[in-house]
Amino acid sequence: MVFGGRAACFLPIILVLCLTRNSNILPVAEAIWLTIPSSGTKCVSEEIQSNVVVLGDYYVIDENNPDHIPTISARVTSPFGNNLHHNENATHGQFAFTTSESGNYLACFWKDGSHQKDSELTLGVDWKTGIAAKDWESVAKKEKIEGVELVLRRLQGIVETIRGNLIYLRDREADMREVSEATNARVAWFSIMSLGVCIAVSVLQIWYLKRYFVKKKLI
């Protein structure tokens, strides 16, 4: 019975560990490879909640000519168009900020004017958000935790992130439902008004035709 109780206690931990490896719901930091055209802009975006830490690292890769790497310009903007990061004539850069509002955050990259006639180049972007952006090594050193305790602390952060995402999705669903209900109500009133206008026009037409026929002594 004791062994069964311990197994029941560790079962949620094992389940969360499996989710961290196999689920796409959790925040995962992965490198994104972008091909920057000789002219034009290439952008990457992500929908992020408010009060979320975002870390980004980007770097130009040129295997054909490593001694002369072309430079790029980068700009990161908030959902309302505010500039969060801007860098020019760079082969690599970093940005870090905490989101102030929920929405779509956009990072755009383009080649500088002096290199626009060159061929396409490859850009690596490492985009981290939320729990993936947290430095767990610093947390372990600061709080002097390690082993299972560090794993549990990380799992706690992951669970809190999942809970926050679910609450965010629930709130968005409620907002969309309110908008849908308001739109349906407006459409219903518009339909009623349109029907009333049609009936009024039909009555006026019948009255006019009857008066015309009476005047012409046709009826």
N, C-alpha and C. Protein backbone atom coordinates (compact mmCIF):
# COMPACT_ATOMS: atom_id res chain seq x y z
N MET A 1 0.83 -1.21 0.00
CA MET A 1 0.00 0.00 0.00
C MET A 1 0.87 1.26 0.00
N VAL A 2 1.99 1.21 0.72
CA VAL A 2 2.87 2.37 0.76
C VAL A 2 3.48 2.62 -0.61
N PHE A 3 3.90 1.50 -1.27
CA PHE A 3 4.47 1.62 -2.60
C PHE A 3 3.44 2.19 -3.58
N GLY A 4 2.19 1.74 -3.44
CA GLY A 4 1.13 2.26 -4.31
C GLY A 4 0.89 3.73 -4.08
N GLY A 5 0.94 4.21 -2.81
CA GLY A 5 0.76 5.63 -2.53
C GLY A 5 1.86 6.47 -3.12
N ARG A 6 3.12 5.98 -3.03
CA ARG A 6 4.23 6.72 -3.62
C ARG A 6 4.11 6.77 -5.14
N ALA A 7 3.70 5.65 -5.71
CA ALA A 7 3.52 5.63 -7.17
C ALA A 7 2.45 6.63 -7.60
N ALA A 8 1.38 6.73 -6.80
CA ALA A 8 0.33 7.68 -7.13
C ALA A 8 0.82 9.11 -7.02
N CYS A 9 1.75 9.38 -6.10
CA CYS A 9 2.28 10.73 -5.95
C CYS A 9 3.19 11.10 -7.12
N PHE A 10 3.97 10.13 -7.60
CA PHE A 10 4.90 10.41 -8.69
C PHE A 10 4.25 10.33 -10.06
N LEU A 11 3.01 9.79 -10.13
CA LEU A 11 2.35 9.66 -11.42
C LEU A 11 2.12 11.00 -12.09
N PRO A 12 1.63 12.05 -11.40
CA PRO A 12 1.46 13.34 -12.07
C PRO A 12 2.78 13.90 -12.59
N ILE A 13 3.88 13.67 -11.84
CA ILE A 13 5.18 14.18 -12.27
C ILE A 13 5.60 13.51 -13.57
N ILE A 14 5.43 12.17 -13.62
CA ILE A 14 5.78 11.43 -14.83
C ILE A 14 4.93 11.90 -16.00
N LEU A 15 3.64 12.16 -15.73
CA LEU A 15 2.75 12.60 -16.79
C LEU A 15 3.18 13.95 -17.35
N VAL A 16 3.54 14.89 -16.45
CA VAL A 16 3.98 16.21 -16.91
C VAL A 16 5.29 16.10 -17.67
N LEU A 17 6.18 15.21 -17.23
CA LEU A 17 7.44 15.00 -17.95
C LEU A 17 7.19 14.51 -19.37
N CYS A 18 6.23 13.61 -19.50
CA CYS A 18 5.88 13.13 -20.84
C CYS A 18 5.31 14.25 -21.69
N LEU A 19 4.50 15.12 -21.06
CA LEU A 19 3.92 16.22 -21.81
C LEU A 19 4.98 17.20 -22.26
N THR A 20 6.00 17.43 -21.41
CA THR A 20 7.05 18.38 -21.78
C THR A 20 7.85 17.89 -22.97
N ARG A 21 7.87 16.56 -23.19
CA ARG A 21 8.62 16.02 -24.31
C ARG A 21 7.79 15.89 -25.58
N ASN A 22 6.48 15.64 -25.41
CA ASN A 22 5.67 15.28 -26.57
C ASN A 22 4.61 16.31 -26.94
N SER A 23 4.27 17.22 -26.04
CA SER A 23 3.14 18.11 -26.31
C SER A 23 3.61 19.40 -26.96
N ASN A 24 2.75 19.94 -27.84
CA ASN A 24 3.02 21.23 -28.46
C ASN A 24 2.38 22.38 -27.69
N ILE A 25 1.68 22.07 -26.59
CA ILE A 25 1.02 23.11 -25.82
C ILE A 25 2.04 23.92 -25.03
N LEU A 26 3.10 23.26 -24.56
CA LEU A 26 4.06 23.90 -23.70
C LEU A 26 5.00 24.76 -24.52
N PRO A 27 5.55 25.85 -23.89
CA PRO A 27 6.47 26.70 -24.61
C PRO A 27 7.80 25.99 -24.83
N VAL A 28 8.24 25.91 -26.06
CA VAL A 28 9.49 25.25 -26.40
C VAL A 28 10.34 26.23 -27.19
N ALA A 29 11.64 26.28 -26.86
CA ALA A 29 12.56 27.16 -27.57
C ALA A 29 13.19 26.38 -28.71
N GLU A 30 12.95 26.82 -29.92
CA GLU A 30 13.51 26.16 -31.09
C GLU A 30 14.08 27.22 -32.03
N ALA A 31 15.14 26.86 -32.73
CA ALA A 31 15.75 27.76 -33.70
C ALA A 31 14.93 27.77 -34.98
N ILE A 32 14.74 28.97 -35.53
CA ILE A 32 14.01 29.15 -36.77
C ILE A 32 15.00 29.60 -37.83
N TRP A 33 14.96 28.96 -38.98
CA TRP A 33 15.86 29.32 -40.07
C TRP A 33 15.06 30.07 -41.12
N LEU A 34 15.49 31.30 -41.41
CA LEU A 34 14.82 32.15 -42.38
C LEU A 34 15.76 32.42 -43.56
N THR A 35 15.18 32.47 -44.73
CA THR A 35 15.93 32.84 -45.93
C THR A 35 15.57 34.28 -46.27
N ILE A 36 16.54 35.18 -46.10
CA ILE A 36 16.31 36.60 -46.36
C ILE A 36 16.55 36.86 -47.85
N PRO A 37 15.55 37.35 -48.59
CA PRO A 37 15.75 37.60 -50.02
C PRO A 37 16.67 38.79 -50.25
N SER A 38 17.15 38.92 -51.48
CA SER A 38 18.04 40.02 -51.81
C SER A 38 17.34 41.37 -51.67
N SER A 39 16.04 41.40 -51.86
CA SER A 39 15.25 42.61 -51.63
C SER A 39 13.93 42.19 -50.99
N GLY A 40 13.50 42.97 -50.04
CA GLY A 40 12.28 42.61 -49.33
C GLY A 40 12.56 42.31 -47.87
N THR A 41 11.52 41.94 -47.17
CA THR A 41 11.59 41.71 -45.73
C THR A 41 11.01 40.35 -45.40
N LYS A 42 11.61 39.68 -44.46
CA LYS A 42 11.10 38.41 -43.96
C LYS A 42 10.79 38.58 -42.47
N CYS A 43 9.58 38.19 -42.08
CA CYS A 43 9.11 38.41 -40.71
C CYS A 43 8.69 37.09 -40.07
N VAL A 44 8.75 37.07 -38.75
CA VAL A 44 8.25 35.96 -37.95
C VAL A 44 7.47 36.56 -36.79
N SER A 45 6.35 35.94 -36.45
CA SER A 45 5.49 36.50 -35.42
C SER A 45 5.01 35.40 -34.48
N GLU A 46 4.57 35.83 -33.33
CA GLU A 46 4.01 34.90 -32.34
C GLU A 46 3.01 35.64 -31.47
N GLU A 47 1.90 34.99 -31.19
CA GLU A 47 0.89 35.58 -30.32
C GLU A 47 1.25 35.27 -28.87
N ILE A 48 1.45 36.31 -28.08
CA ILE A 48 1.95 36.17 -26.72
C ILE A 48 1.03 36.93 -25.77
N GLN A 49 0.86 36.41 -24.58
CA GLN A 49 0.07 37.07 -23.57
C GLN A 49 0.86 38.23 -22.95
N SER A 50 0.20 38.99 -22.09
CA SER A 50 0.87 40.08 -21.39
C SER A 50 1.69 39.53 -20.21
N ASN A 51 2.68 40.31 -19.79
CA ASN A 51 3.55 39.97 -18.67
C ASN A 51 4.31 38.66 -18.90
N VAL A 52 4.81 38.48 -20.12
CA VAL A 52 5.59 37.29 -20.48
C VAL A 52 6.97 37.76 -20.92
N VAL A 53 8.01 37.10 -20.40
CA VAL A 53 9.39 37.43 -20.77
C VAL A 53 9.70 36.81 -22.14
N VAL A 54 10.29 37.62 -23.02
CA VAL A 54 10.66 37.17 -24.37
C VAL A 54 12.14 37.43 -24.57
N LEU A 55 12.85 36.41 -25.02
CA LEU A 55 14.26 36.52 -25.35
C LEU A 55 14.46 36.09 -26.80
N GLY A 56 15.30 36.81 -27.51
CA GLY A 56 15.56 36.49 -28.90
C GLY A 56 17.03 36.65 -29.25
N ASP A 57 17.50 35.78 -30.10
CA ASP A 57 18.89 35.82 -30.56
C ASP A 57 18.87 35.50 -32.05
N TYR A 58 19.47 36.36 -32.87
CA TYR A 58 19.50 36.13 -34.30
C TYR A 58 20.93 36.33 -34.83
N TYR A 59 21.25 35.60 -35.88
CA TYR A 59 22.61 35.62 -36.40
C TYR A 59 22.58 35.21 -37.88
N VAL A 60 23.45 35.86 -38.66
CA VAL A 60 23.55 35.61 -40.09
C VAL A 60 24.50 34.44 -40.32
N ILE A 61 24.12 33.56 -41.24
CA ILE A 61 24.95 32.41 -41.58
C ILE A 61 25.27 32.48 -43.07
N ASP A 62 26.57 32.47 -43.36
CA ASP A 62 27.02 32.50 -44.75
C ASP A 62 28.18 31.51 -44.89
N GLU A 63 27.83 30.29 -45.27
CA GLU A 63 28.85 29.26 -45.39
C GLU A 63 29.76 29.46 -46.60
N ASN A 64 29.26 30.13 -47.63
CA ASN A 64 30.06 30.31 -48.84
C ASN A 64 31.18 31.33 -48.64
N ASN A 65 30.93 32.36 -47.86
CA ASN A 65 31.92 33.41 -47.65
C ASN A 65 31.94 33.81 -46.18
N PRO A 66 32.52 32.99 -45.31
CA PRO A 66 32.49 33.29 -43.87
C PRO A 66 33.30 34.51 -43.48
N ASP A 67 34.25 34.93 -44.34
CA ASP A 67 35.08 36.09 -44.01
C ASP A 67 34.37 37.41 -44.31
N HIS A 68 33.37 37.37 -45.15
CA HIS A 68 32.64 38.59 -45.51
C HIS A 68 31.14 38.31 -45.38
N ILE A 69 30.65 38.40 -44.14
CA ILE A 69 29.24 38.11 -43.87
C ILE A 69 28.43 39.39 -44.08
N PRO A 70 27.41 39.36 -44.91
CA PRO A 70 26.59 40.57 -45.12
C PRO A 70 25.81 40.93 -43.86
N THR A 71 25.51 42.20 -43.74
CA THR A 71 24.80 42.71 -42.57
C THR A 71 23.31 42.83 -42.86
N ILE A 72 22.54 42.85 -41.80
CA ILE A 72 21.09 42.96 -41.89
C ILE A 72 20.59 44.02 -40.92
N SER A 73 19.33 44.34 -41.05
CA SER A 73 18.63 45.20 -40.10
C SER A 73 17.48 44.40 -39.50
N ALA A 74 17.17 44.70 -38.25
CA ALA A 74 16.12 43.96 -37.54
C ALA A 74 15.24 44.94 -36.77
N ARG A 75 13.96 44.61 -36.70
CA ARG A 75 13.02 45.41 -35.93
C ARG A 75 11.97 44.49 -35.31
N VAL A 76 11.72 44.71 -34.02
CA VAL A 76 10.70 43.96 -33.29
C VAL A 76 9.64 44.95 -32.82
N THR A 77 8.38 44.66 -33.12
CA THR A 77 7.30 45.58 -32.77
C THR A 77 6.23 44.86 -31.96
N SER A 78 5.51 45.65 -31.19
CA SER A 78 4.43 45.15 -30.35
C SER A 78 3.13 45.09 -31.16
N PRO A 79 2.05 44.54 -30.59
CA PRO A 79 0.78 44.50 -31.32
C PRO A 79 0.26 45.87 -31.74
N PHE A 80 0.64 46.94 -31.01
CA PHE A 80 0.20 48.29 -31.34
C PHE A 80 1.23 49.06 -32.17
N GLY A 81 2.27 48.36 -32.65
CA GLY A 81 3.24 48.99 -33.53
C GLY A 81 4.39 49.69 -32.84
N ASN A 82 4.52 49.55 -31.52
CA ASN A 82 5.63 50.18 -30.81
C ASN A 82 6.92 49.41 -31.06
N ASN A 83 8.02 50.13 -31.27
CA ASN A 83 9.32 49.51 -31.50
C ASN A 83 9.90 49.00 -30.17
N LEU A 84 10.15 47.71 -30.11
CA LEU A 84 10.76 47.10 -28.94
C LEU A 84 12.24 46.83 -29.13
N HIS A 85 12.65 46.72 -30.39
CA HIS A 85 14.06 46.48 -30.70
C HIS A 85 14.32 46.92 -32.14
N HIS A 86 15.46 47.60 -32.33
CA HIS A 86 15.84 48.03 -33.67
C HIS A 86 17.36 47.98 -33.77
N ASN A 87 17.84 47.31 -34.81
CA ASN A 87 19.28 47.14 -34.99
C ASN A 87 19.59 47.21 -36.48
N GLU A 88 20.68 47.91 -36.83
CA GLU A 88 21.08 48.07 -38.22
C GLU A 88 22.54 47.70 -38.39
N ASN A 89 22.88 47.28 -39.62
CA ASN A 89 24.26 46.93 -39.98
C ASN A 89 24.87 45.93 -38.99
N ALA A 90 24.15 44.85 -38.77
CA ALA A 90 24.59 43.85 -37.79
C ALA A 90 24.57 42.47 -38.42
N THR A 91 25.49 41.64 -37.97
CA THR A 91 25.50 40.23 -38.37
C THR A 91 24.85 39.34 -37.32
N HIS A 92 24.67 39.88 -36.13
CA HIS A 92 23.98 39.15 -35.06
C HIS A 92 23.45 40.17 -34.05
N GLY A 93 22.52 39.74 -33.26
CA GLY A 93 21.95 40.62 -32.24
C GLY A 93 21.05 39.86 -31.29
N GLN A 94 20.64 40.55 -30.24
CA GLN A 94 19.77 39.97 -29.23
C GLN A 94 18.72 41.00 -28.82
N PHE A 95 17.58 40.51 -28.39
CA PHE A 95 16.55 41.39 -27.84
C PHE A 95 15.87 40.69 -26.68
N ALA A 96 15.45 41.48 -25.73
CA ALA A 96 14.77 40.96 -24.54
C ALA A 96 13.78 42.00 -24.05
N PHE A 97 12.58 41.57 -23.73
CA PHE A 97 11.56 42.48 -23.22
C PHE A 97 10.47 41.67 -22.53
N THR A 98 9.67 42.37 -21.76
CA THR A 98 8.50 41.77 -21.11
C THR A 98 7.25 42.36 -21.75
N THR A 99 6.39 41.52 -22.24
CA THR A 99 5.21 41.99 -22.97
C THR A 99 4.30 42.80 -22.05
N SER A 100 3.80 43.90 -22.59
CA SER A 100 2.90 44.77 -21.82
C SER A 100 1.44 44.58 -22.22
N GLU A 101 1.20 43.96 -23.38
CA GLU A 101 -0.17 43.68 -23.79
C GLU A 101 -0.19 42.38 -24.58
N SER A 102 -1.35 41.78 -24.60
CA SER A 102 -1.52 40.53 -25.34
C SER A 102 -1.72 40.83 -26.82
N GLY A 103 -1.17 39.97 -27.65
CA GLY A 103 -1.34 40.16 -29.08
C GLY A 103 -0.22 39.53 -29.88
N ASN A 104 -0.12 39.94 -31.14
CA ASN A 104 0.83 39.38 -32.08
C ASN A 104 2.10 40.23 -32.11
N TYR A 105 3.22 39.65 -31.67
CA TYR A 105 4.50 40.35 -31.67
C TYR A 105 5.27 39.94 -32.93
N LEU A 106 5.82 40.94 -33.61
CA LEU A 106 6.39 40.74 -34.95
C LEU A 106 7.86 41.12 -34.96
N ALA A 107 8.68 40.22 -35.51
CA ALA A 107 10.11 40.48 -35.71
C ALA A 107 10.41 40.39 -37.20
N CYS A 108 10.93 41.48 -37.77
CA CYS A 108 11.20 41.55 -39.21
C CYS A 108 12.69 41.76 -39.45
N PHE A 109 13.20 41.15 -40.53
CA PHE A 109 14.62 41.22 -40.88
C PHE A 109 14.73 41.51 -42.37
N TRP A 110 15.71 42.34 -42.75
CA TRP A 110 15.97 42.63 -44.15
C TRP A 110 17.44 42.99 -44.32
N LYS A 111 17.91 42.82 -45.54
CA LYS A 111 19.30 43.10 -45.85
C LYS A 111 19.53 44.60 -45.96
N ASP A 112 20.72 45.03 -45.55
CA ASP A 112 21.05 46.44 -45.65
C ASP A 112 21.22 46.85 -47.11
N GLY A 113 21.14 48.16 -47.35
CA GLY A 113 21.18 48.67 -48.71
C GLY A 113 22.44 48.32 -49.46
N SER A 114 23.58 48.26 -48.77
CA SER A 114 24.85 47.98 -49.45
C SER A 114 24.96 46.53 -49.90
N HIS A 115 24.09 45.65 -49.38
CA HIS A 115 24.17 44.23 -49.72
C HIS A 115 22.91 43.72 -50.42
N GLN A 116 22.05 44.61 -50.87
CA GLN A 116 20.79 44.17 -51.46
C GLN A 116 20.99 43.46 -52.80
N LYS A 117 22.08 43.74 -53.51
CA LYS A 117 22.32 43.10 -54.79
C LYS A 117 22.94 41.72 -54.64
N ASP A 118 23.35 41.37 -53.42
CA ASP A 118 23.93 40.05 -53.20
C ASP A 118 22.85 38.99 -53.24
N SER A 119 23.27 37.74 -53.17
CA SER A 119 22.33 36.62 -53.18
C SER A 119 21.61 36.52 -51.83
N GLU A 120 20.70 35.58 -51.75
CA GLU A 120 19.96 35.37 -50.51
C GLU A 120 20.90 34.90 -49.41
N LEU A 121 20.50 35.16 -48.17
CA LEU A 121 21.29 34.71 -47.03
C LEU A 121 20.39 34.00 -46.03
N THR A 122 20.99 33.22 -45.16
CA THR A 122 20.27 32.45 -44.16
C THR A 122 20.43 33.11 -42.79
N LEU A 123 19.32 33.21 -42.09
CA LEU A 123 19.31 33.84 -40.77
C LEU A 123 18.75 32.85 -39.75
N GLY A 124 19.48 32.66 -38.67
CA GLY A 124 19.00 31.82 -37.58
C GLY A 124 18.38 32.67 -36.49
N VAL A 125 17.19 32.32 -36.05
CA VAL A 125 16.48 33.06 -35.01
C VAL A 125 16.12 32.10 -33.89
N ASP A 126 16.57 32.42 -32.68
CA ASP A 126 16.24 31.63 -31.49
C ASP A 126 15.28 32.45 -30.65
N TRP A 127 14.00 32.05 -30.65
CA TRP A 127 12.92 32.82 -30.02
C TRP A 127 12.44 32.04 -28.79
N LYS A 128 12.57 32.64 -27.63
CA LYS A 128 12.16 31.99 -26.38
C LYS A 128 11.13 32.86 -25.68
N THR A 129 10.10 32.21 -25.14
CA THR A 129 9.07 32.92 -24.40
C THR A 129 8.71 32.16 -23.13
N GLY A 130 8.28 32.91 -22.13
CA GLY A 130 7.76 32.31 -20.91
C GLY A 130 8.77 31.47 -20.16
N ILE A 131 8.36 30.26 -19.83
CA ILE A 131 9.17 29.36 -19.03
C ILE A 131 10.45 28.96 -19.75
N ALA A 132 10.42 28.95 -21.08
CA ALA A 132 11.61 28.57 -21.85
C ALA A 132 12.68 29.64 -21.78
N ALA A 133 12.30 30.89 -21.47
CA ALA A 133 13.26 31.99 -21.40
C ALA A 133 13.88 32.14 -20.02
N LYS A 134 13.45 31.34 -19.09
CA LYS A 134 13.97 31.46 -17.72
C LYS A 134 15.30 30.74 -17.59
N ASP A 135 16.24 31.38 -16.89
CA ASP A 135 17.58 30.82 -16.69
C ASP A 135 17.54 29.96 -15.43
N TRP A 136 17.35 28.65 -15.63
CA TRP A 136 17.22 27.75 -14.48
C TRP A 136 18.54 27.51 -13.78
N GLU A 137 19.64 27.67 -14.47
CA GLU A 137 20.94 27.53 -13.80
C GLU A 137 21.14 28.62 -12.76
N SER A 138 20.76 29.85 -13.13
CA SER A 138 20.86 30.95 -12.16
C SER A 138 19.91 30.75 -10.99
N VAL A 139 18.71 30.24 -11.28
CA VAL A 139 17.75 29.97 -10.20
C VAL A 139 18.29 28.92 -9.24
N ALA A 140 18.90 27.87 -9.80
CA ALA A 140 19.45 26.80 -8.96
C ALA A 140 20.59 27.32 -8.09
N LYS A 141 21.45 28.17 -8.66
CA LYS A 141 22.56 28.70 -7.87
C LYS A 141 22.08 29.69 -6.81
N LYS A 142 21.10 30.51 -7.17
CA LYS A 142 20.62 31.51 -6.24
C LYS A 142 19.87 30.90 -5.07
N GLU A 143 19.01 29.92 -5.35
CA GLU A 143 18.20 29.31 -4.30
C GLU A 143 18.81 28.03 -3.75
N LYS A 144 19.98 27.65 -4.31
CA LYS A 144 20.71 26.47 -3.83
C LYS A 144 19.84 25.22 -3.86
N ILE A 145 19.27 24.98 -5.02
CA ILE A 145 18.46 23.78 -5.21
C ILE A 145 19.04 22.98 -6.36
N GLU A 146 18.83 21.70 -6.35
CA GLU A 146 19.34 20.83 -7.40
C GLU A 146 18.56 19.53 -7.40
N GLY A 147 18.82 18.73 -8.40
CA GLY A 147 18.21 17.40 -8.48
C GLY A 147 16.71 17.46 -8.65
N VAL A 148 16.03 16.64 -7.83
CA VAL A 148 14.58 16.51 -7.93
C VAL A 148 13.88 17.82 -7.60
N GLU A 149 14.43 18.57 -6.65
CA GLU A 149 13.80 19.83 -6.26
C GLU A 149 13.81 20.82 -7.42
N LEU A 150 14.90 20.85 -8.18
CA LEU A 150 14.96 21.74 -9.35
C LEU A 150 13.98 21.29 -10.42
N VAL A 151 13.87 19.98 -10.62
CA VAL A 151 12.91 19.46 -11.59
C VAL A 151 11.49 19.81 -11.20
N LEU A 152 11.18 19.67 -9.91
CA LEU A 152 9.84 20.01 -9.43
C LEU A 152 9.56 21.50 -9.58
N ARG A 153 10.56 22.34 -9.32
CA ARG A 153 10.37 23.77 -9.49
C ARG A 153 10.08 24.10 -10.95
N ARG A 154 10.80 23.43 -11.85
CA ARG A 154 10.57 23.67 -13.27
C ARG A 154 9.18 23.16 -13.69
N LEU A 155 8.79 22.01 -13.17
CA LEU A 155 7.45 21.49 -13.48
C LEU A 155 6.37 22.42 -12.96
N GLN A 156 6.61 23.02 -11.79
CA GLN A 156 5.65 23.98 -11.25
C GLN A 156 5.49 25.18 -12.19
N GLY A 157 6.61 25.65 -12.72
CA GLY A 157 6.52 26.75 -13.68
C GLY A 157 5.78 26.36 -14.94
N ILE A 158 6.01 25.13 -15.40
CA ILE A 158 5.32 24.66 -16.61
C ILE A 158 3.82 24.56 -16.36
N VAL A 159 3.44 24.02 -15.19
CA VAL A 159 2.02 23.90 -14.87
C VAL A 159 1.37 25.28 -14.78
N GLU A 160 2.06 26.24 -14.17
CA GLU A 160 1.51 27.60 -14.09
C GLU A 160 1.36 28.22 -15.47
N THR A 161 2.31 27.92 -16.36
CA THR A 161 2.21 28.43 -17.72
C THR A 161 1.02 27.82 -18.45
N ILE A 162 0.82 26.51 -18.28
CA ILE A 162 -0.33 25.85 -18.90
C ILE A 162 -1.63 26.44 -18.38
N ARG A 163 -1.69 26.66 -17.07
CA ARG A 163 -2.90 27.23 -16.47
C ARG A 163 -3.15 28.64 -17.02
N GLY A 164 -2.08 29.44 -17.13
CA GLY A 164 -2.25 30.78 -17.68
C GLY A 164 -2.73 30.75 -19.13
N ASN A 165 -2.20 29.81 -19.92
CA ASN A 165 -2.63 29.69 -21.32
C ASN A 165 -4.09 29.29 -21.42
N LEU A 166 -4.51 28.36 -20.55
CA LEU A 166 -5.91 27.93 -20.57
C LEU A 166 -6.84 29.07 -20.16
N ILE A 167 -6.45 29.86 -19.15
CA ILE A 167 -7.26 31.00 -18.74
C ILE A 167 -7.33 32.03 -19.87
N TYR A 168 -6.20 32.24 -20.54
CA TYR A 168 -6.17 33.19 -21.66
C TYR A 168 -7.09 32.73 -22.78
N LEU A 169 -7.04 31.43 -23.11
CA LEU A 169 -7.92 30.91 -24.16
C LEU A 169 -9.38 31.00 -23.76
N ARG A 170 -9.67 30.75 -22.47
CA ARG A 170 -11.05 30.85 -22.01
C ARG A 170 -11.56 32.29 -22.12
N ASP A 171 -10.72 33.25 -21.73
CA ASP A 171 -11.13 34.66 -21.82
C ASP A 171 -11.32 35.08 -23.28
N ARG A 172 -10.44 34.62 -24.16
CA ARG A 172 -10.59 34.97 -25.58
C ARG A 172 -11.86 34.35 -26.16
N GLU A 173 -12.16 33.12 -25.74
CA GLU A 173 -13.37 32.47 -26.22
C GLU A 173 -14.60 33.22 -25.74
N ALA A 174 -14.56 33.71 -24.49
CA ALA A 174 -15.69 34.49 -23.97
C ALA A 174 -15.84 35.80 -24.73
N ASP A 175 -14.73 36.47 -25.03
CA ASP A 175 -14.81 37.72 -25.79
C ASP A 175 -15.36 37.47 -27.19
N MET A 176 -14.88 36.41 -27.84
CA MET A 176 -15.37 36.11 -29.18
C MET A 176 -16.85 35.73 -29.16
N ARG A 177 -17.28 35.03 -28.10
CA ARG A 177 -18.69 34.68 -28.00
C ARG A 177 -19.55 35.93 -27.83
N GLU A 178 -19.08 36.89 -27.02
CA GLU A 178 -19.83 38.14 -26.85
C GLU A 178 -19.93 38.91 -28.17
N VAL A 179 -18.81 38.96 -28.89
CA VAL A 179 -18.84 39.65 -30.19
C VAL A 179 -19.78 38.96 -31.15
N SER A 180 -19.76 37.62 -31.16
CA SER A 180 -20.64 36.86 -32.05
C SER A 180 -22.10 37.09 -31.70
N GLU A 181 -22.42 37.08 -30.39
CA GLU A 181 -23.80 37.30 -29.98
C GLU A 181 -24.26 38.71 -30.33
N ALA A 182 -23.38 39.70 -30.12
CA ALA A 182 -23.75 41.08 -30.48
C ALA A 182 -23.96 41.22 -31.98
N THR A 183 -23.09 40.57 -32.77
CA THR A 183 -23.25 40.62 -34.23
C THR A 183 -24.54 39.95 -34.67
N ASN A 184 -24.87 38.80 -34.06
CA ASN A 184 -26.13 38.11 -34.41
C ASN A 184 -27.35 38.97 -34.06
N ALA A 185 -27.26 39.67 -32.92
CA ALA A 185 -28.38 40.53 -32.54
C ALA A 185 -28.55 41.68 -33.52
N ARG A 186 -27.44 42.27 -33.96
CA ARG A 186 -27.53 43.35 -34.93
C ARG A 186 -28.08 42.86 -36.26
N VAL A 187 -27.64 41.68 -36.69
CA VAL A 187 -28.14 41.13 -37.93
C VAL A 187 -29.64 40.85 -37.83
N ALA A 188 -30.08 40.35 -36.68
CA ALA A 188 -31.51 40.08 -36.50
C ALA A 188 -32.32 41.37 -36.58
N TRP A 189 -31.87 42.43 -35.89
CA TRP A 189 -32.59 43.71 -35.95
C TRP A 189 -32.57 44.28 -37.36
N PHE A 190 -31.46 44.14 -38.06
CA PHE A 190 -31.39 44.63 -39.44
C PHE A 190 -32.36 43.87 -40.34
N SER A 191 -32.49 42.56 -40.11
CA SER A 191 -33.43 41.77 -40.90
C SER A 191 -34.86 42.20 -40.63
N ILE A 192 -35.17 42.46 -39.35
CA ILE A 192 -36.52 42.91 -39.00
C ILE A 192 -36.82 44.26 -39.65
N MET A 193 -35.84 45.17 -39.58
CA MET A 193 -36.05 46.49 -40.19
C MET A 193 -36.20 46.38 -41.70
N SER A 194 -35.40 45.50 -42.33
CA SER A 194 -35.51 45.32 -43.78
C SER A 194 -36.89 44.77 -44.14
N LEU A 195 -37.38 43.80 -43.36
CA LEU A 195 -38.71 43.26 -43.61
C LEU A 195 -39.78 44.31 -43.45
N GLY A 196 -39.63 45.17 -42.41
CA GLY A 196 -40.61 46.23 -42.21
C GLY A 196 -40.62 47.23 -43.35
N VAL A 197 -39.41 47.57 -43.85
CA VAL A 197 -39.33 48.50 -44.99
C VAL A 197 -39.99 47.88 -46.23
N CYS A 198 -39.75 46.59 -46.47
CA CYS A 198 -40.36 45.92 -47.62
C CYS A 198 -41.88 45.91 -47.52
N ILE A 199 -42.41 45.64 -46.33
CA ILE A 199 -43.86 45.63 -46.14
C ILE A 199 -44.43 47.02 -46.37
N ALA A 200 -43.74 48.05 -45.81
CA ALA A 200 -44.23 49.42 -45.99
C ALA A 200 -44.23 49.82 -47.46
N VAL A 201 -43.16 49.47 -48.19
CA VAL A 201 -43.10 49.80 -49.62
C VAL A 201 -44.20 49.08 -50.38
N SER A 202 -44.46 47.81 -50.04
CA SER A 202 -45.52 47.06 -50.72
C SER A 202 -46.89 47.69 -50.47
N VAL A 203 -47.16 48.11 -49.25
CA VAL A 203 -48.44 48.76 -48.93
C VAL A 203 -48.60 50.06 -49.70
N LEU A 204 -47.51 50.83 -49.77
CA LEU A 204 -47.57 52.09 -50.52
C LEU A 204 -47.80 51.84 -52.01
N GLN A 205 -47.17 50.81 -52.55
CA GLN A 205 -47.39 50.50 -53.96
C GLN A 205 -48.84 50.10 -54.22
N ILE A 206 -49.41 49.25 -53.35
CA ILE A 206 -50.81 48.84 -53.52
C ILE A 206 -51.74 50.04 -53.42
N TRP A 207 -51.46 50.91 -52.44
CA TRP A 207 -52.31 52.11 -52.28
C TRP A 207 -52.21 53.02 -53.49
N TYR A 208 -51.03 53.19 -54.03
CA TYR A 208 -50.85 54.06 -55.20
C TYR A 208 -51.55 53.47 -56.43
N LEU A 209 -51.39 52.16 -56.64
CA LEU A 209 -52.04 51.53 -57.80
C LEU A 209 -53.56 51.60 -57.68
N LYS A 210 -54.09 51.36 -56.50
CA LYS A 210 -55.54 51.44 -56.31
C LYS A 210 -56.05 52.84 -56.58
N ARG A 211 -55.33 53.83 -56.09
CA ARG A 211 -55.74 55.22 -56.33
C ARG A 211 -55.66 55.55 -57.81
N TYR A 212 -54.62 55.04 -58.48
CA TYR A 212 -54.48 55.31 -59.91
C TYR A 212 -55.63 54.69 -60.71
N PHE A 213 -55.98 53.45 -60.36
CA PHE A 213 -57.07 52.78 -61.07
C PHE A 213 -58.41 53.47 -60.82
N VAL A 214 -58.63 53.91 -59.59
CA VAL A 214 -59.88 54.62 -59.27
C VAL A 214 -59.95 55.93 -60.03
N LYS A 215 -58.82 56.62 -60.12
CA LYS A 215 -58.78 57.89 -60.81
C LYS A 215 -59.06 57.71 -62.29
N LYS A 216 -58.57 56.63 -62.89
CA LYS A 216 -58.78 56.36 -64.29
C LYS A 216 -60.10 55.63 -64.56
N LYS A 217 -60.87 55.40 -63.48
CA LYS A 217 -62.17 54.75 -63.56
C LYS A 217 -62.06 53.34 -64.17
N LEU A 218 -60.94 52.67 -63.80
CA LEU A 218 -60.77 51.31 -64.28
C LEU A 218 -61.39 50.31 -63.31
N ILE A 219 -61.59 50.73 -62.09
CA ILE A 219 -62.25 49.88 -61.10
C ILE A 219 -63.32 50.69 -60.37
